[in-house]
Full PDB file with SEQRES, HELIX, SHEET, SSBOND, CRYST1, ORIGX, SCALE, CONECT and MASTER records, all heavy atoms in Angstrom:
SEQRES   1 A   40  ARG VAL ILE ALA THR SER PHE THR ILE PRO LEU LEU THR          
SEQRES   2 A   40  MET TYR THR VAL PHE VAL ALA LEU MET GLY ALA TYR LEU          
SEQRES   3 A   40  ASN VAL THR VAL ASN GLU GLN THR SER PHE THR SER TYR          
SEQRES   4 A   40  ILE                                                          
HELIX    1 AA1 VAL A    2  GLU A   32  1                                  31    
HELIX    2 AA2 PHE A   36  TYR A   39  1                                   4    
CRYST1    1.000    1.000    1.000  90.00  90.00  90.00 P 1           1          
ORIGX1      1.000000  0.000000  0.000000        0.00000                         
ORIGX2      0.000000  1.000000  0.000000        0.00000                         
ORIGX3      0.000000  0.000000  1.000000        0.00000                         
SCALE1      1.000000  0.000000  0.000000        0.00000                         
SCALE2      0.000000  1.000000  0.000000        0.00000                         
SCALE3      0.000000  0.000000  1.000000        0.00000                         
ATOM      1  N   ARG A   1       0.815  -1.217   0.000  1.00  0.00           N  
ATOM      2  CA  ARG A   1       0.000   0.000   0.000  1.00  0.00           C  
ATOM      3  C   ARG A   1       0.849   1.267   0.000  1.00  0.00           C  
ATOM      4  O   ARG A   1       0.532   2.237  -0.682  1.00  0.00           O  
ATOM      5  CB  ARG A   1      -0.959  -0.013   1.200  1.00  0.00           C  
ATOM      6  CG  ARG A   1      -2.165  -0.900   0.970  1.00  0.00           C  
ATOM      7  CD  ARG A   1      -2.874  -1.263   2.274  1.00  0.00           C  
ATOM      8  NE  ARG A   1      -4.102  -2.014   2.011  1.00  0.00           N  
ATOM      9  CZ  ARG A   1      -4.136  -3.300   1.674  1.00  0.00           C  
ATOM     10  NH1 ARG A   1      -3.001  -3.977   1.557  1.00  0.00           N  
ATOM     11  NH2 ARG A   1      -5.288  -3.914   1.451  1.00  0.00           N  
ATOM     12  N   VAL A   2       1.932   1.259   0.764  1.00  0.00           N  
ATOM     13  CA  VAL A   2       2.797   2.448   0.821  1.00  0.00           C  
ATOM     14  C   VAL A   2       3.508   2.657  -0.514  1.00  0.00           C  
ATOM     15  O   VAL A   2       3.619   3.787  -1.005  1.00  0.00           O  
ATOM     16  CB  VAL A   2       3.814   2.334   1.976  1.00  0.00           C  
ATOM     17  CG1 VAL A   2       4.770   3.515   1.968  1.00  0.00           C  
ATOM     18  CG2 VAL A   2       3.097   2.275   3.315  1.00  0.00           C  
ATOM     19  N   ILE A   3       3.974   1.586  -1.128  1.00  0.00           N  
ATOM     20  CA  ILE A   3       4.602   1.697  -2.452  1.00  0.00           C  
ATOM     21  C   ILE A   3       3.582   2.214  -3.466  1.00  0.00           C  
ATOM     22  O   ILE A   3       3.889   3.076  -4.303  1.00  0.00           O  
ATOM     23  CB  ILE A   3       5.183   0.336  -2.904  1.00  0.00           C  
ATOM     24  CG1 ILE A   3       6.414  -0.015  -2.067  1.00  0.00           C  
ATOM     25  CG2 ILE A   3       5.544   0.366  -4.391  1.00  0.00           C  
ATOM     26  CD1 ILE A   3       6.989  -1.387  -2.359  1.00  0.00           C  
ATOM     27  N   ALA A   4       2.356   1.697  -3.400  1.00  0.00           N  
ATOM     28  CA  ALA A   4       1.308   2.117  -4.341  1.00  0.00           C  
ATOM     29  C   ALA A   4       0.985   3.604  -4.203  1.00  0.00           C  
ATOM     30  O   ALA A   4       0.885   4.322  -5.207  1.00  0.00           O  
ATOM     31  CB  ALA A   4       0.044   1.283  -4.117  1.00  0.00           C  
ATOM     32  N   THR A   5       0.835   4.085  -2.964  1.00  0.00           N  
ATOM     33  CA  THR A   5       0.532   5.511  -2.780  1.00  0.00           C  
ATOM     34  C   THR A   5       1.720   6.384  -3.187  1.00  0.00           C  
ATOM     35  O   THR A   5       1.534   7.441  -3.802  1.00  0.00           O  
ATOM     36  CB  THR A   5       0.149   5.814  -1.315  1.00  0.00           C  
ATOM     37  OG1 THR A   5       1.176   5.332  -0.437  1.00  0.00           O  
ATOM     38  CG2 THR A   5      -1.173   5.180  -0.945  1.00  0.00           C  
ATOM     39  N   SER A   6       2.939   5.938  -2.880  1.00  0.00           N  
ATOM     40  CA  SER A   6       4.141   6.718  -3.236  1.00  0.00           C  
ATOM     41  C   SER A   6       4.306   6.827  -4.747  1.00  0.00           C  
ATOM     42  O   SER A   6       4.833   7.831  -5.249  1.00  0.00           O  
ATOM     43  CB  SER A   6       5.399   6.072  -2.632  1.00  0.00           C  
ATOM     44  OG  SER A   6       5.296   5.979  -1.235  1.00  0.00           O  
ATOM     45  N   PHE A   7       3.874   5.809  -5.476  1.00  0.00           N  
ATOM     46  CA  PHE A   7       3.994   5.799  -6.934  1.00  0.00           C  
ATOM     47  C   PHE A   7       2.814   6.498  -7.607  1.00  0.00           C  
ATOM     48  O   PHE A   7       2.983   7.209  -8.611  1.00  0.00           O  
ATOM     49  CB  PHE A   7       4.097   4.345  -7.427  1.00  0.00           C  
ATOM     50  CG  PHE A   7       4.127   4.215  -8.922  1.00  0.00           C  
ATOM     51  CD1 PHE A   7       5.267   4.545  -9.644  1.00  0.00           C  
ATOM     52  CD2 PHE A   7       3.014   3.772  -9.619  1.00  0.00           C  
ATOM     53  CE1 PHE A   7       5.293   4.447 -11.033  1.00  0.00           C  
ATOM     54  CE2 PHE A   7       3.020   3.674 -11.003  1.00  0.00           C  
ATOM     55  CZ  PHE A   7       4.175   4.003 -11.708  1.00  0.00           C  
ATOM     56  N   THR A   8       1.622   6.331  -7.064  1.00  0.00           N  
ATOM     57  CA  THR A   8       0.413   6.795  -7.742  1.00  0.00           C  
ATOM     58  C   THR A   8       0.092   8.263  -7.472  1.00  0.00           C  
ATOM     59  O   THR A   8      -0.396   8.953  -8.379  1.00  0.00           O  
ATOM     60  CB  THR A   8      -0.799   5.930  -7.310  1.00  0.00           C  
ATOM     61  OG1 THR A   8      -0.449   4.555  -7.417  1.00  0.00           O  
ATOM     62  CG2 THR A   8      -2.008   6.203  -8.194  1.00  0.00           C  
ATOM     63  N   ILE A   9       0.340   8.763  -6.263  1.00  0.00           N  
ATOM     64  CA  ILE A   9       0.022  10.153  -5.941  1.00  0.00           C  
ATOM     65  C   ILE A   9       0.748  11.140  -6.867  1.00  0.00           C  
ATOM     66  O   ILE A   9       0.144  12.115  -7.319  1.00  0.00           O  
ATOM     67  CB  ILE A   9       0.316  10.472  -4.450  1.00  0.00           C  
ATOM     68  CG1 ILE A   9      -0.527   9.585  -3.525  1.00  0.00           C  
ATOM     69  CG2 ILE A   9       0.044  11.945  -4.145  1.00  0.00           C  
ATOM     70  CD1 ILE A   9      -2.018   9.715  -3.687  1.00  0.00           C  
ATOM     71  N   PRO A  10       2.059  10.937  -7.189  1.00  0.00           N  
ATOM     72  CA  PRO A  10       2.698  11.841  -8.164  1.00  0.00           C  
ATOM     73  C   PRO A  10       2.014  11.828  -9.531  1.00  0.00           C  
ATOM     74  O   PRO A  10       1.892  12.877 -10.173  1.00  0.00           O  
ATOM     75  CB  PRO A  10       4.125  11.292  -8.269  1.00  0.00           C  
ATOM     76  CG  PRO A  10       4.354  10.597  -6.989  1.00  0.00           C  
ATOM     77  CD  PRO A  10       3.037  10.013  -6.587  1.00  0.00           C  
ATOM     78  N   LEU A  11       1.571  10.655  -9.987  1.00  0.00           N  
ATOM     79  CA  LEU A  11       0.858  10.572 -11.268  1.00  0.00           C  
ATOM     80  C   LEU A  11      -0.469  11.339 -11.194  1.00  0.00           C  
ATOM     81  O   LEU A  11      -0.831  12.066 -12.120  1.00  0.00           O  
ATOM     82  CB  LEU A  11       0.599   9.107 -11.636  1.00  0.00           C  
ATOM     83  CG  LEU A  11       1.829   8.226 -11.878  1.00  0.00           C  
ATOM     84  CD1 LEU A  11       1.402   6.804 -12.228  1.00  0.00           C  
ATOM     85  CD2 LEU A  11       2.679   8.798 -13.009  1.00  0.00           C  
ATOM     86  N   LEU A  12      -1.171  11.168 -10.085  1.00  0.00           N  
ATOM     87  CA  LEU A  12      -2.427  11.898  -9.889  1.00  0.00           C  
ATOM     88  C   LEU A  12      -2.176  13.397  -9.815  1.00  0.00           C  
ATOM     89  O   LEU A  12      -2.997  14.200 -10.286  1.00  0.00           O  
ATOM     90  CB  LEU A  12      -3.126  11.420  -8.607  1.00  0.00           C  
ATOM     91  CG  LEU A  12      -3.800  10.052  -8.643  1.00  0.00           C  
ATOM     92  CD1 LEU A  12      -4.348   9.694  -7.267  1.00  0.00           C  
ATOM     93  CD2 LEU A  12      -4.929  10.020  -9.673  1.00  0.00           C  
ATOM     94  N   THR A  13      -1.051  13.798  -9.230  1.00  0.00           N  
ATOM     95  CA  THR A  13      -0.711  15.221  -9.134  1.00  0.00           C  
ATOM     96  C   THR A  13      -0.517  15.817 -10.514  1.00  0.00           C  
ATOM     97  O   THR A  13      -1.035  16.911 -10.810  1.00  0.00           O  
ATOM     98  CB  THR A  13       0.575  15.415  -8.292  1.00  0.00           C  
ATOM     99  OG1 THR A  13       0.335  14.974  -6.960  1.00  0.00           O  
ATOM    100  CG2 THR A  13       0.993  16.873  -8.265  1.00  0.00           C  
ATOM    101  N   MET A  14       0.224  15.132 -11.374  1.00  0.00           N  
ATOM    102  CA  MET A  14       0.424  15.624 -12.741  1.00  0.00           C  
ATOM    103  C   MET A  14      -0.903  15.730 -13.489  1.00  0.00           C  
ATOM    104  O   MET A  14      -1.133  16.677 -14.241  1.00  0.00           O  
ATOM    105  CB  MET A  14       1.383  14.693 -13.498  1.00  0.00           C  
ATOM    106  CG  MET A  14       2.809  14.682 -12.963  1.00  0.00           C  
ATOM    107  SD  MET A  14       3.637  16.287 -13.101  1.00  0.00           S  
ATOM    108  CE  MET A  14       3.490  16.902 -11.411  1.00  0.00           C  
ATOM    109  N   TYR A  15      -1.765  14.760 -13.245  1.00  0.00           N  
ATOM    110  CA  TYR A  15      -3.094  14.788 -13.866  1.00  0.00           C  
ATOM    111  C   TYR A  15      -3.917  15.959 -13.326  1.00  0.00           C  
ATOM    112  O   TYR A  15      -4.591  16.655 -14.090  1.00  0.00           O  
ATOM    113  CB  TYR A  15      -3.795  13.458 -13.589  1.00  0.00           C  
ATOM    114  CG  TYR A  15      -5.209  13.388 -14.131  1.00  0.00           C  
ATOM    115  CD1 TYR A  15      -5.450  13.281 -15.499  1.00  0.00           C  
ATOM    116  CD2 TYR A  15      -6.306  13.448 -13.276  1.00  0.00           C  
ATOM    117  CE1 TYR A  15      -6.742  13.226 -15.998  1.00  0.00           C  
ATOM    118  CE2 TYR A  15      -7.596  13.387 -13.756  1.00  0.00           C  
ATOM    119  CZ  TYR A  15      -7.809  13.282 -15.114  1.00  0.00           C  
ATOM    120  OH  TYR A  15      -9.091  13.242 -15.607  1.00  0.00           O  
ATOM    121  N   THR A  16      -3.836  16.190 -12.018  1.00  0.00           N  
ATOM    122  CA  THR A  16      -4.568  17.303 -11.408  1.00  0.00           C  
ATOM    123  C   THR A  16      -4.093  18.633 -11.971  1.00  0.00           C  
ATOM    124  O   THR A  16      -4.906  19.528 -12.266  1.00  0.00           O  
ATOM    125  CB  THR A  16      -4.373  17.308  -9.869  1.00  0.00           C  
ATOM    126  OG1 THR A  16      -4.789  16.049  -9.347  1.00  0.00           O  
ATOM    127  CG2 THR A  16      -5.176  18.413  -9.217  1.00  0.00           C  
ATOM    128  N   VAL A  17      -2.777  18.778 -12.116  1.00  0.00           N  
ATOM    129  CA  VAL A  17      -2.205  20.010 -12.685  1.00  0.00           C  
ATOM    130  C   VAL A  17      -2.742  20.241 -14.090  1.00  0.00           C  
ATOM    131  O   VAL A  17      -3.164  21.355 -14.440  1.00  0.00           O  
ATOM    132  CB  VAL A  17      -0.656  19.936 -12.695  1.00  0.00           C  
ATOM    133  CG1 VAL A  17      -0.069  21.053 -13.546  1.00  0.00           C  
ATOM    134  CG2 VAL A  17      -0.118  20.007 -11.276  1.00  0.00           C  
ATOM    135  N   PHE A  18      -2.758  19.181 -14.898  1.00  0.00           N  
ATOM    136  CA  PHE A  18      -3.255  19.286 -16.271  1.00  0.00           C  
ATOM    137  C   PHE A  18      -4.728  19.708 -16.295  1.00  0.00           C  
ATOM    138  O   PHE A  18      -5.108  20.638 -17.013  1.00  0.00           O  
ATOM    139  CB  PHE A  18      -3.093  17.940 -16.996  1.00  0.00           C  
ATOM    140  CG  PHE A  18      -3.757  17.881 -18.336  1.00  0.00           C  
ATOM    141  CD1 PHE A  18      -3.213  18.519 -19.437  1.00  0.00           C  
ATOM    142  CD2 PHE A  18      -4.960  17.193 -18.496  1.00  0.00           C  
ATOM    143  CE1 PHE A  18      -3.843  18.479 -20.679  1.00  0.00           C  
ATOM    144  CE2 PHE A  18      -5.602  17.141 -19.728  1.00  0.00           C  
ATOM    145  CZ  PHE A  18      -5.044  17.787 -20.829  1.00  0.00           C  
ATOM    146  N   VAL A  19      -5.554  19.037 -15.492  1.00  0.00           N  
ATOM    147  CA  VAL A  19      -6.986  19.334 -15.457  1.00  0.00           C  
ATOM    148  C   VAL A  19      -7.238  20.754 -14.937  1.00  0.00           C  
ATOM    149  O   VAL A  19      -8.076  21.488 -15.474  1.00  0.00           O  
ATOM    150  CB  VAL A  19      -7.737  18.295 -14.584  1.00  0.00           C  
ATOM    151  CG1 VAL A  19      -9.189  18.702 -14.384  1.00  0.00           C  
ATOM    152  CG2 VAL A  19      -7.670  16.920 -15.221  1.00  0.00           C  
ATOM    153  N   ALA A  20      -6.492  21.164 -13.899  1.00  0.00           N  
ATOM    154  CA  ALA A  20      -6.647  22.510 -13.336  1.00  0.00           C  
ATOM    155  C   ALA A  20      -6.265  23.572 -14.367  1.00  0.00           C  
ATOM    156  O   ALA A  20      -6.947  24.606 -14.483  1.00  0.00           O  
ATOM    157  CB  ALA A  20      -5.789  22.651 -12.081  1.00  0.00           C  
ATOM    158  N   LEU A  21      -5.202  23.334 -15.114  1.00  0.00           N  
ATOM    159  CA  LEU A  21      -4.782  24.288 -16.144  1.00  0.00           C  
ATOM    160  C   LEU A  21      -5.806  24.370 -17.273  1.00  0.00           C  
ATOM    161  O   LEU A  21      -6.031  25.449 -17.841  1.00  0.00           O  
ATOM    162  CB  LEU A  21      -3.409  23.902 -16.698  1.00  0.00           C  
ATOM    163  CG  LEU A  21      -2.222  24.087 -15.741  1.00  0.00           C  
ATOM    164  CD1 LEU A  21      -0.941  23.557 -16.363  1.00  0.00           C  
ATOM    165  CD2 LEU A  21      -2.060  25.558 -15.368  1.00  0.00           C  
ATOM    166  N   MET A  22      -6.450  23.242 -17.589  1.00  0.00           N  
ATOM    167  CA  MET A  22      -7.497  23.265 -18.606  1.00  0.00           C  
ATOM    168  C   MET A  22      -8.733  24.022 -18.107  1.00  0.00           C  
ATOM    169  O   MET A  22      -9.376  24.757 -18.857  1.00  0.00           O  
ATOM    170  CB  MET A  22      -7.878  21.829 -19.009  1.00  0.00           C  
ATOM    171  CG  MET A  22      -6.827  21.098 -19.818  1.00  0.00           C  
ATOM    172  SD  MET A  22      -6.357  21.964 -21.352  1.00  0.00           S  
ATOM    173  CE  MET A  22      -4.837  22.779 -20.849  1.00  0.00           C  
ATOM    174  N   GLY A  23      -9.061  23.835 -16.830  1.00  0.00           N  
ATOM    175  CA  GLY A  23     -10.170  24.584 -16.242  1.00  0.00           C  
ATOM    176  C   GLY A  23      -9.884  26.077 -16.257  1.00  0.00           C  
ATOM    177  O   GLY A  23     -10.757  26.900 -16.564  1.00  0.00           O  
ATOM    178  N   ALA A  24      -8.631  26.428 -15.928  1.00  0.00           N  
ATOM    179  CA  ALA A  24      -8.228  27.836 -15.946  1.00  0.00           C  
ATOM    180  C   ALA A  24      -8.261  28.394 -17.371  1.00  0.00           C  
ATOM    181  O   ALA A  24      -8.662  29.547 -17.594  1.00  0.00           O  
ATOM    182  CB  ALA A  24      -6.827  27.971 -15.364  1.00  0.00           C  
ATOM    183  N   TYR A  25      -7.858  27.553 -18.347  1.00  0.00           N  
ATOM    184  CA  TYR A  25      -7.864  28.011 -19.743  1.00  0.00           C  
ATOM    185  C   TYR A  25      -9.273  28.377 -20.205  1.00  0.00           C  
ATOM    186  O   TYR A  25      -9.468  29.397 -20.873  1.00  0.00           O  
ATOM    187  CB  TYR A  25      -7.277  26.931 -20.658  1.00  0.00           C  
ATOM    188  CG  TYR A  25      -7.542  27.212 -22.128  1.00  0.00           C  
ATOM    189  CD1 TYR A  25      -6.892  28.247 -22.776  1.00  0.00           C  
ATOM    190  CD2 TYR A  25      -8.475  26.448 -22.841  1.00  0.00           C  
ATOM    191  CE1 TYR A  25      -7.149  28.529 -24.109  1.00  0.00           C  
ATOM    192  CE2 TYR A  25      -8.737  26.720 -24.170  1.00  0.00           C  
ATOM    193  CZ  TYR A  25      -8.071  27.758 -24.793  1.00  0.00           C  
ATOM    194  OH  TYR A  25      -8.344  28.047 -26.103  1.00  0.00           O  
ATOM    195  N   LEU A  26     -10.250  27.559 -19.864  1.00  0.00           N  
ATOM    196  CA  LEU A  26     -11.624  27.859 -20.250  1.00  0.00           C  
ATOM    197  C   LEU A  26     -12.066  29.209 -19.697  1.00  0.00           C  
ATOM    198  O   LEU A  26     -12.719  30.005 -20.389  1.00  0.00           O  
ATOM    199  CB  LEU A  26     -12.572  26.760 -19.751  1.00  0.00           C  
ATOM    200  CG  LEU A  26     -12.541  25.431 -20.492  1.00  0.00           C  
ATOM    201  CD1 LEU A  26     -13.536  24.461 -19.870  1.00  0.00           C  
ATOM    202  CD2 LEU A  26     -12.876  25.628 -21.971  1.00  0.00           C  
ATOM    203  N   ASN A  27     -11.701  29.474 -18.457  1.00  0.00           N  
ATOM    204  CA  ASN A  27     -12.047  30.747 -17.830  1.00  0.00           C  
ATOM    205  C   ASN A  27     -11.334  31.904 -18.518  1.00  0.00           C  
ATOM    206  O   ASN A  27     -11.934  32.945 -18.790  1.00  0.00           O  
ATOM    207  CB  ASN A  27     -11.670  30.692 -16.345  1.00  0.00           C  
ATOM    208  CG  ASN A  27     -12.295  31.817 -15.557  1.00  0.00           C  
ATOM    209  OD1 ASN A  27     -12.054  32.980 -15.834  1.00  0.00           O  
ATOM    210  ND2 ASN A  27     -13.083  31.476 -14.552  1.00  0.00           N  
ATOM    211  N   VAL A  28     -10.048  31.719 -18.810  1.00  0.00           N  
ATOM    212  CA  VAL A  28      -9.250  32.785 -19.431  1.00  0.00           C  
ATOM    213  C   VAL A  28      -9.713  33.070 -20.849  1.00  0.00           C  
ATOM    214  O   VAL A  28      -9.854  34.225 -21.252  1.00  0.00           O  
ATOM    215  CB  VAL A  28      -7.748  32.397 -19.419  1.00  0.00           C  
ATOM    216  CG1 VAL A  28      -6.932  33.344 -20.295  1.00  0.00           C  
ATOM    217  CG2 VAL A  28      -7.206  32.414 -18.004  1.00  0.00           C  
ATOM    218  N   THR A  29      -9.975  32.017 -21.606  1.00  0.00           N  
ATOM    219  CA  THR A  29     -10.345  32.219 -23.013  1.00  0.00           C  
ATOM    220  C   THR A  29     -11.728  32.845 -23.162  1.00  0.00           C  
ATOM    221  O   THR A  29     -11.980  33.597 -24.104  1.00  0.00           O  
ATOM    222  CB  THR A  29     -10.263  30.888 -23.794  1.00  0.00           C  
ATOM    223  OG1 THR A  29     -10.294  31.153 -25.192  1.00  0.00           O  
ATOM    224  CG2 THR A  29     -11.423  29.957 -23.463  1.00  0.00           C  
ATOM    225  N   VAL A  30     -12.624  32.567 -22.204  1.00  0.00           N  
ATOM    226  CA  VAL A  30     -13.956  33.183 -22.242  1.00  0.00           C  
ATOM    227  C   VAL A  30     -13.877  34.673 -21.902  1.00  0.00           C  
ATOM    228  O   VAL A  30     -14.540  35.507 -22.529  1.00  0.00           O  
ATOM    229  CB  VAL A  30     -14.914  32.448 -21.272  1.00  0.00           C  
ATOM    230  CG1 VAL A  30     -16.191  33.261 -21.052  1.00  0.00           C  
ATOM    231  CG2 VAL A  30     -15.259  31.076 -21.806  1.00  0.00           C  
ATOM    232  N   ASN A  31     -13.049  35.023 -20.937  1.00  0.00           N  
ATOM    233  CA  ASN A  31     -12.990  36.408 -20.456  1.00  0.00           C  
ATOM    234  C   ASN A  31     -11.964  37.270 -21.177  1.00  0.00           C  
ATOM    235  O   ASN A  31     -12.194  38.462 -21.380  1.00  0.00           O  
ATOM    236  CB  ASN A  31     -12.679  36.416 -18.951  1.00  0.00           C  
ATOM    237  CG  ASN A  31     -13.830  35.899 -18.119  1.00  0.00           C  
ATOM    238  OD1 ASN A  31     -14.765  36.617 -17.813  1.00  0.00           O  
ATOM    239  ND2 ASN A  31     -13.771  34.622 -17.743  1.00  0.00           N  
ATOM    240  N   GLU A  32     -10.823  36.684 -21.517  1.00  0.00           N  
ATOM    241  CA  GLU A  32      -9.763  37.473 -22.179  1.00  0.00           C  
ATOM    242  C   GLU A  32      -9.560  37.123 -23.648  1.00  0.00           C  
ATOM    243  O   GLU A  32      -8.723  37.720 -24.305  1.00  0.00           O  
ATOM    244  CB  GLU A  32      -8.431  37.281 -21.437  1.00  0.00           C  
ATOM    245  CG  GLU A  32      -8.252  38.176 -20.220  1.00  0.00           C  
ATOM    246  CD  GLU A  32      -9.007  37.665 -19.011  1.00  0.00           C  
ATOM    247  OE1 GLU A  32      -8.988  36.438 -18.790  1.00  0.00           O  
ATOM    248  OE2 GLU A  32      -9.612  38.486 -18.304  1.00  0.00           O  
ATOM    249  N   GLN A  33     -10.291  36.126 -24.149  1.00  0.00           N  
ATOM    250  CA  GLN A  33     -10.148  35.667 -25.536  1.00  0.00           C  
ATOM    251  C   GLN A  33      -8.700  35.303 -25.882  1.00  0.00           C  
ATOM    252  O   GLN A  33      -8.206  35.576 -26.975  1.00  0.00           O  
ATOM    253  CB  GLN A  33     -10.653  36.724 -26.526  1.00  0.00           C  
ATOM    254  CG  GLN A  33     -12.167  36.824 -26.632  1.00  0.00           C  
ATOM    255  CD  GLN A  33     -12.779  37.516 -25.417  1.00  0.00           C  
ATOM    256  OE1 GLN A  33     -12.322  38.607 -25.043  1.00  0.00           O  
ATOM    257  NE2 GLN A  33     -13.780  36.917 -24.801  1.00  0.00           N  
ATOM    258  N   THR A  34      -8.022  34.684 -24.922  1.00  0.00           N  
ATOM    259  CA  THR A  34      -6.638  34.245 -25.146  1.00  0.00           C  
ATOM    260  C   THR A  34      -6.645  32.950 -25.947  1.00  0.00           C  
ATOM    261  O   THR A  34      -7.409  32.034 -25.637  1.00  0.00           O  
ATOM    262  CB  THR A  34      -5.926  34.006 -23.796  1.00  0.00           C  
ATOM    263  OG1 THR A  34      -5.990  35.200 -23.020  1.00  0.00           O  
ATOM    264  CG2 THR A  34      -4.476  33.610 -23.999  1.00  0.00           C  
ATOM    265  N   SER A  35      -5.789  32.863 -26.953  1.00  0.00           N  
ATOM    266  CA  SER A  35      -5.732  31.651 -27.767  1.00  0.00           C  
ATOM    267  C   SER A  35      -5.038  30.535 -26.979  1.00  0.00           C  
ATOM    268  O   SER A  35      -4.254  30.803 -26.059  1.00  0.00           O  
ATOM    269  CB  SER A  35      -4.961  31.908 -29.062  1.00  0.00           C  
ATOM    270  OG  SER A  35      -3.585  32.101 -28.785  1.00  0.00           O  
ATOM    271  N   PHE A  36      -5.319  29.297 -27.381  1.00  0.00           N  
ATOM    272  CA  PHE A  36      -4.738  28.151 -26.685  1.00  0.00           C  
ATOM    273  C   PHE A  36      -3.215  28.147 -26.819  1.00  0.00           C  
ATOM    274  O   PHE A  36      -2.494  27.876 -25.858  1.00  0.00           O  
ATOM    275  CB  PHE A  36      -5.320  26.850 -27.250  1.00  0.00           C  
ATOM    276  CG  PHE A  36      -4.853  25.624 -26.529  1.00  0.00           C  
ATOM    277  CD1 PHE A  36      -5.326  25.322 -25.260  1.00  0.00           C  
ATOM    278  CD2 PHE A  36      -3.919  24.761 -27.113  1.00  0.00           C  
ATOM    279  CE1 PHE A  36      -4.888  24.193 -24.574  1.00  0.00           C  
ATOM    280  CE2 PHE A  36      -3.482  23.627 -26.445  1.00  0.00           C  
ATOM    281  CZ  PHE A  36      -3.968  23.345 -25.173  1.00  0.00           C  
ATOM    282  N   THR A  37      -2.707  28.486 -28.013  1.00  0.00           N  
ATOM    283  CA  THR A  37      -1.256  28.515 -28.253  1.00  0.00           C  
ATOM    284  C   THR A  37      -0.575  29.537 -27.350  1.00  0.00           C  
ATOM    285  O   THR A  37       0.449  29.257 -26.727  1.00  0.00           O  
ATOM    286  CB  THR A  37      -0.959  28.857 -29.731  1.00  0.00           C  
ATOM    287  OG1 THR A  37      -1.662  27.951 -30.571  1.00  0.00           O  
ATOM    288  CG2 THR A  37       0.532  28.773 -30.014  1.00  0.00           C  
ATOM    289  N   SER A  38      -1.164  30.725 -27.287  1.00  0.00           N  
ATOM    290  CA  SER A  38      -0.610  31.785 -26.446  1.00  0.00           C  
ATOM    291  C   SER A  38      -0.636  31.385 -24.972  1.00  0.00           C  
ATOM    292  O   SER A  38       0.324  31.640 -24.223  1.00  0.00           O  
ATOM    293  CB  SER A  38      -1.400  33.083 -26.653  1.00  0.00           C  
ATOM    294  OG  SER A  38      -0.977  34.083 -25.769  1.00  0.00           O  
ATOM    295  N   TYR A  39      -1.733  30.747 -24.561  1.00  0.00           N  
ATOM    296  CA  TYR A  39      -1.891  30.305 -23.173  1.00  0.00           C  
ATOM    297  C   TYR A  39      -0.809  29.285 -22.801  1.00  0.00           C  
ATOM    298  O   TYR A  39      -0.158  29.400 -21.755  1.00  0.00           O  
ATOM    299  CB  TYR A  39      -3.284  29.693 -23.004  1.00  0.00           C  
ATOM    300  CG  TYR A  39      -3.595  29.155 -21.624  1.00  0.00           C  
ATOM    301  CD1 TYR A  39      -3.903  30.014 -20.572  1.00  0.00           C  
ATOM    302  CD2 TYR A  39      -3.592  27.782 -21.374  1.00  0.00           C  
ATOM    303  CE1 TYR A  39      -4.193  29.517 -19.301  1.00  0.00           C  
ATOM    304  CE2 TYR A  39      -3.889  27.273 -20.118  1.00  0.00           C  
ATOM    305  CZ  TYR A  39      -4.191  28.154 -19.087  1.00  0.00           C  
ATOM    306  OH  TYR A  39      -4.474  27.657 -17.841  1.00  0.00           O  
ATOM    307  N   ILE A  40      -0.574  28.306 -23.679  1.00  0.00           N  
ATOM    308  CA  ILE A  40       0.437  27.270 -23.431  1.00  0.00           C  
ATOM    309  C   ILE A  40       1.836  27.890 -23.381  1.00  0.00           C  
ATOM    310  O   ILE A  40       2.664  27.534 -22.527  1.00  0.00           O  
ATOM    311  CB  ILE A  40       0.376  26.177 -24.520  1.00  0.00           C  
ATOM    312  CG1 ILE A  40      -0.939  25.392 -24.416  1.00  0.00           C  
ATOM    313  CG2 ILE A  40       1.566  25.228 -24.412  1.00  0.00           C  
ATOM    314  CD1 ILE A  40      -1.118  24.627 -23.126  1.00  0.00           C  
TER     315      ILE A  40                                                      
MASTER        0    0    0    2    0    0    0    6  314    1    0    4          
END                                                                             
């Protein structure tokens, strides 16, 4: 269990970062009309 959490939590963190940035992009592009390329 400890090995599983130590290995999986970093993967989940990277996924969370990606999803959070996509959520932020939707907000930014609606309000500031920022292009996806410029945002990245």
